[in-house]
Amino acid sequence: MNLNETKKNLKYEIKKELKKSKLEVLTNENDFLVKNLKKAG
């Protein structure tokens, strides 16, 4: 495998990981908000 292909693969993998981590952060924030709403309600 040449260097350019390796770079493309790395970029793709990094983007995939970023998407996943953003989703996890959003999910955690939503859980937190829902818990607070339940306490208030």
PDB file of N, CA and C in Angstrom:
ATOM      1  N   MET A   1       0.857  -1.191   0.000  1.00  0.00           N
ATOM      2  CA  MET A   1       0.000   0.000   0.000  1.00  0.00           C
ATOM      3  C   MET A   1       0.895   1.245   0.000  1.00  0.00           C
ATOM      4  N   ASN A   2       0.577   2.190  -0.862  1.00  0.00           N
ATOM      5  CA  ASN A   2       1.433   3.379  -0.896  1.00  0.00           C
ATOM      6  C   ASN A   2       0.998   4.412   0.146  1.00  0.00           C
ATOM      7  N   LEU A   3       1.793   5.446   0.288  1.00  0.00           N
ATOM      8  CA  LEU A   3       1.585   6.431   1.340  1.00  0.00           C
ATOM      9  C   LEU A   3       0.266   7.185   1.182  1.00  0.00           C
ATOM     10  N   ASN A   4      -0.080   7.535  -0.062  1.00  0.00           N
ATOM     11  CA  ASN A   4      -1.320   8.284  -0.288  1.00  0.00           C
ATOM     12  C   ASN A   4      -2.548   7.496   0.141  1.00  0.00           C
ATOM     13  N   GLU A   5      -2.563   6.224  -0.166  1.00  0.00           N
ATOM     14  CA  GLU A   5      -3.690   5.381   0.240  1.00  0.00           C
ATOM     15  C   GLU A   5      -3.790   5.310   1.756  1.00  0.00           C
ATOM     16  N   THR A   6      -2.650   5.220   2.401  1.00  0.00           N
ATOM     17  CA  THR A   6      -2.624   5.169   3.860  1.00  0.00           C
ATOM     18  C   THR A   6      -3.212   6.445   4.441  1.00  0.00           C
ATOM     19  N   LYS A   7      -2.820   7.580   3.879  1.00  0.00           N
ATOM     20  CA  LYS A   7      -3.331   8.866   4.363  1.00  0.00           C
ATOM     21  C   LYS A   7      -4.846   8.938   4.202  1.00  0.00           C
ATOM     22  N   LYS A   8      -5.351   8.522   3.049  1.00  0.00           N
ATOM     23  CA  LYS A   8      -6.802   8.548   2.817  1.00  0.00           C
ATOM     24  C   LYS A   8      -7.519   7.695   3.850  1.00  0.00           C
ATOM     25  N   ASN A   9      -6.989   6.518   4.088  1.00  0.00           N
ATOM     26  CA  ASN A   9      -7.595   5.617   5.065  1.00  0.00           C
ATOM     27  C   ASN A   9      -7.613   6.242   6.456  1.00  0.00           C
ATOM     28  N   LEU A  10      -6.512   6.871   6.818  1.00  0.00           N
ATOM     29  CA  LEU A  10      -6.424   7.498   8.132  1.00  0.00           C
ATOM     30  C   LEU A  10      -7.459   8.610   8.272  1.00  0.00           C
ATOM     31  N   LYS A  11      -7.568   9.443   7.244  1.00  0.00           N
ATOM     32  CA  LYS A  11      -8.546  10.538   7.294  1.00  0.00           C
ATOM     33  C   LYS A  11      -9.945   9.983   7.469  1.00  0.00           C
ATOM     34  N   TYR A  12     -10.259   8.931   6.728  1.00  0.00           N
ATOM     35  CA  TYR A  12     -11.574   8.319   6.820  1.00  0.00           C
ATOM     36  C   TYR A  12     -11.828   7.785   8.226  1.00  0.00           C
ATOM     37  N   GLU A  13     -10.842   7.094   8.768  1.00  0.00           N
ATOM     38  CA  GLU A  13     -10.978   6.523  10.116  1.00  0.00           C
ATOM     39  C   GLU A  13     -11.173   7.623  11.153  1.00  0.00           C
ATOM     40  N   ILE A  14     -10.409   8.703  11.017  1.00  0.00           N
ATOM     41  CA  ILE A  14     -10.507   9.801  11.975  1.00  0.00           C
ATOM     42  C   ILE A  14     -11.896  10.434  11.898  1.00  0.00           C
ATOM     43  N   LYS A  15     -12.392  10.660  10.693  1.00  0.00           N
ATOM     44  CA  LYS A  15     -13.730  11.235  10.527  1.00  0.00           C
ATOM     45  C   LYS A  15     -14.779  10.342  11.166  1.00  0.00           C
ATOM     46  N   LYS A  16     -14.633   9.033  10.957  1.00  0.00           N
ATOM     47  CA  LYS A  16     -15.584   8.077  11.518  1.00  0.00           C
ATOM     48  C   LYS A  16     -15.586   8.165  13.040  1.00  0.00           C
ATOM     49  N   GLU A  17     -14.396   8.212  13.630  1.00  0.00           N
ATOM     50  CA  GLU A  17     -14.277   8.285  15.088  1.00  0.00           C
ATOM     51  C   GLU A  17     -14.869   9.589  15.617  1.00  0.00           C
ATOM     52  N   LEU A  18     -14.623  10.684  14.900  1.00  0.00           N
ATOM     53  CA  LEU A  18     -15.149  11.986  15.324  1.00  0.00           C
ATOM     54  C   LEU A  18     -16.663  11.965  15.340  1.00  0.00           C
ATOM     55  N   LYS A  19     -17.260  11.420  14.286  1.00  0.00           N
ATOM     56  CA  LYS A  19     -18.725  11.337  14.226  1.00  0.00           C
ATOM     57  C   LYS A  19     -19.256  10.567  15.418  1.00  0.00           C
ATOM     58  N   LYS A  20     -18.602   9.449  15.707  1.00  0.00           N
ATOM     59  CA  LYS A  20     -19.059   8.599  16.802  1.00  0.00           C
ATOM     60  C   LYS A  20     -18.963   9.348  18.135  1.00  0.00           C
ATOM     61  N   SER A  21     -17.834  10.036  18.349  1.00  0.00           N
ATOM     62  CA  SER A  21     -17.659  10.713  19.633  1.00  0.00           C
ATOM     63  C   SER A  21     -18.629  11.884  19.775  1.00  0.00           C
ATOM     64  N   LYS A  22     -18.910  12.582  18.674  1.00  0.00           N
ATOM     65  CA  LYS A  22     -19.884  13.678  18.735  1.00  0.00           C
ATOM     66  C   LYS A  22     -21.252  13.135  19.134  1.00  0.00           C
ATOM     67  N   LEU A  23     -21.617  11.999  18.556  1.00  0.00           N
ATOM     68  CA  LEU A  23     -22.907  11.381  18.884  1.00  0.00           C
ATOM     69  C   LEU A  23     -22.969  11.010  20.354  1.00  0.00           C
ATOM     70  N   GLU A  24     -21.898  10.452  20.880  1.00  0.00           N
ATOM     71  CA  GLU A  24     -21.884  10.055  22.289  1.00  0.00           C
ATOM     72  C   GLU A  24     -22.036  11.264  23.195  1.00  0.00           C
ATOM     73  N   VAL A  25     -21.375  12.363  22.848  1.00  0.00           N
ATOM     74  CA  VAL A  25     -21.472  13.578  23.655  1.00  0.00           C
ATOM     75  C   VAL A  25     -22.901  14.090  23.641  1.00  0.00           C
ATOM     76  N   LEU A  26     -23.514  14.113  22.463  1.00  0.00           N
ATOM     77  CA  LEU A  26     -24.902  14.569  22.358  1.00  0.00           C
ATOM     78  C   LEU A  26     -25.824  13.694  23.187  1.00  0.00           C
ATOM     79  N   THR A  27     -25.629  12.397  23.121  1.00  0.00           N
ATOM     80  CA  THR A  27     -26.468  11.469  23.872  1.00  0.00           C
ATOM     81  C   THR A  27     -26.333  11.728  25.367  1.00  0.00           C
ATOM     82  N   ASN A  28     -25.098  11.931  25.825  1.00  0.00           N
ATOM     83  CA  ASN A  28     -24.885  12.209  27.246  1.00  0.00           C
ATOM     84  C   ASN A  28     -25.571  13.499  27.655  1.00  0.00           C
ATOM     85  N   GLU A  29     -25.484  14.521  26.823  1.00  0.00           N
ATOM     86  CA  GLU A  29     -26.134  15.796  27.136  1.00  0.00           C
ATOM     87  C   GLU A  29     -27.639  15.617  27.203  1.00  0.00           C
ATOM     88  N   ASN A  30     -28.194  14.876  26.270  1.00  0.00           N
ATOM     89  CA  ASN A  30     -29.642  14.641  26.260  1.00  0.00           C
ATOM     90  C   ASN A  30     -30.078  13.900  27.515  1.00  0.00           C
ATOM     91  N   ASP A  31     -29.325  12.891  27.905  1.00  0.00           N
ATOM     92  CA  ASP A  31     -29.653  12.142  29.120  1.00  0.00           C
ATOM     93  C   ASP A  31     -29.673  13.077  30.326  1.00  0.00           C
ATOM     94  N   PHE A  32     -28.679  13.951  30.394  1.00  0.00           N
ATOM     95  CA  PHE A  32     -28.572  14.893  31.497  1.00  0.00           C
ATOM     96  C   PHE A  32     -29.796  15.818  31.529  1.00  0.00           C
ATOM     97  N   LEU A  33     -30.165  16.335  30.350  1.00  0.00           N
ATOM     98  CA  LEU A  33     -31.316  17.242  30.270  1.00  0.00           C
ATOM     99  C   LEU A  33     -32.603  16.532  30.670  1.00  0.00           C
ATOM    100  N   VAL A  34     -32.778  15.320  30.199  1.00  0.00           N
ATOM    101  CA  VAL A  34     -33.987  14.561  30.518  1.00  0.00           C
ATOM    102  C   VAL A  34     -34.074  14.316  32.022  1.00  0.00           C
ATOM    103  N   LYS A  35     -32.967  13.956  32.647  1.00  0.00           N
ATOM    104  CA  LYS A  35     -32.966  13.726  34.097  1.00  0.00           C
ATOM    105  C   LYS A  35     -33.379  14.992  34.844  1.00  0.00           C
ATOM    106  N   ASN A  36     -32.820  16.139  34.413  1.00  0.00           N
ATOM    107  CA  ASN A  36     -33.156  17.403  35.078  1.00  0.00           C
ATOM    108  C   ASN A  36     -34.608  17.762  34.882  1.00  0.00           C
ATOM    109  N   LEU A  37     -35.144  17.500  33.703  1.00  0.00           N
ATOM    110  CA  LEU A  37     -36.561  17.784  33.439  1.00  0.00           C
ATOM    111  C   LEU A  37     -37.449  16.928  34.319  1.00  0.00           C
ATOM    112  N   LYS A  38     -37.081  15.678  34.472  1.00  0.00           N
ATOM    113  CA  LYS A  38     -37.895  14.769  35.309  1.00  0.00           C
ATOM    114  C   LYS A  38     -37.891  15.256  36.758  1.00  0.00           C
ATOM    115  N   LYS A  39     -36.751  15.710  37.249  1.00  0.00           N
ATOM    116  CA  LYS A  39     -36.679  16.232  38.613  1.00  0.00           C
ATOM    117  C   LYS A  39     -37.583  17.438  38.768  1.00  0.00           C
ATOM    118  N   ALA A  40     -37.541  18.332  37.793  1.00  0.00           N
ATOM    119  CA  ALA A  40     -38.336  19.564  37.866  1.00  0.00           C
ATOM    120  C   ALA A  40     -39.828  19.263  37.752  1.00  0.00           C
ATOM    121  N   GLY A  41     -40.165  18.304  36.909  1.00  0.00           N
ATOM    122  CA  GLY A  41     -41.572  17.973  36.668  1.00  0.00           C
ATOM    123  C   GLY A  41     -42.052  17.063  37.722  1.00  0.00           C
TER     124      GLY A  41
END
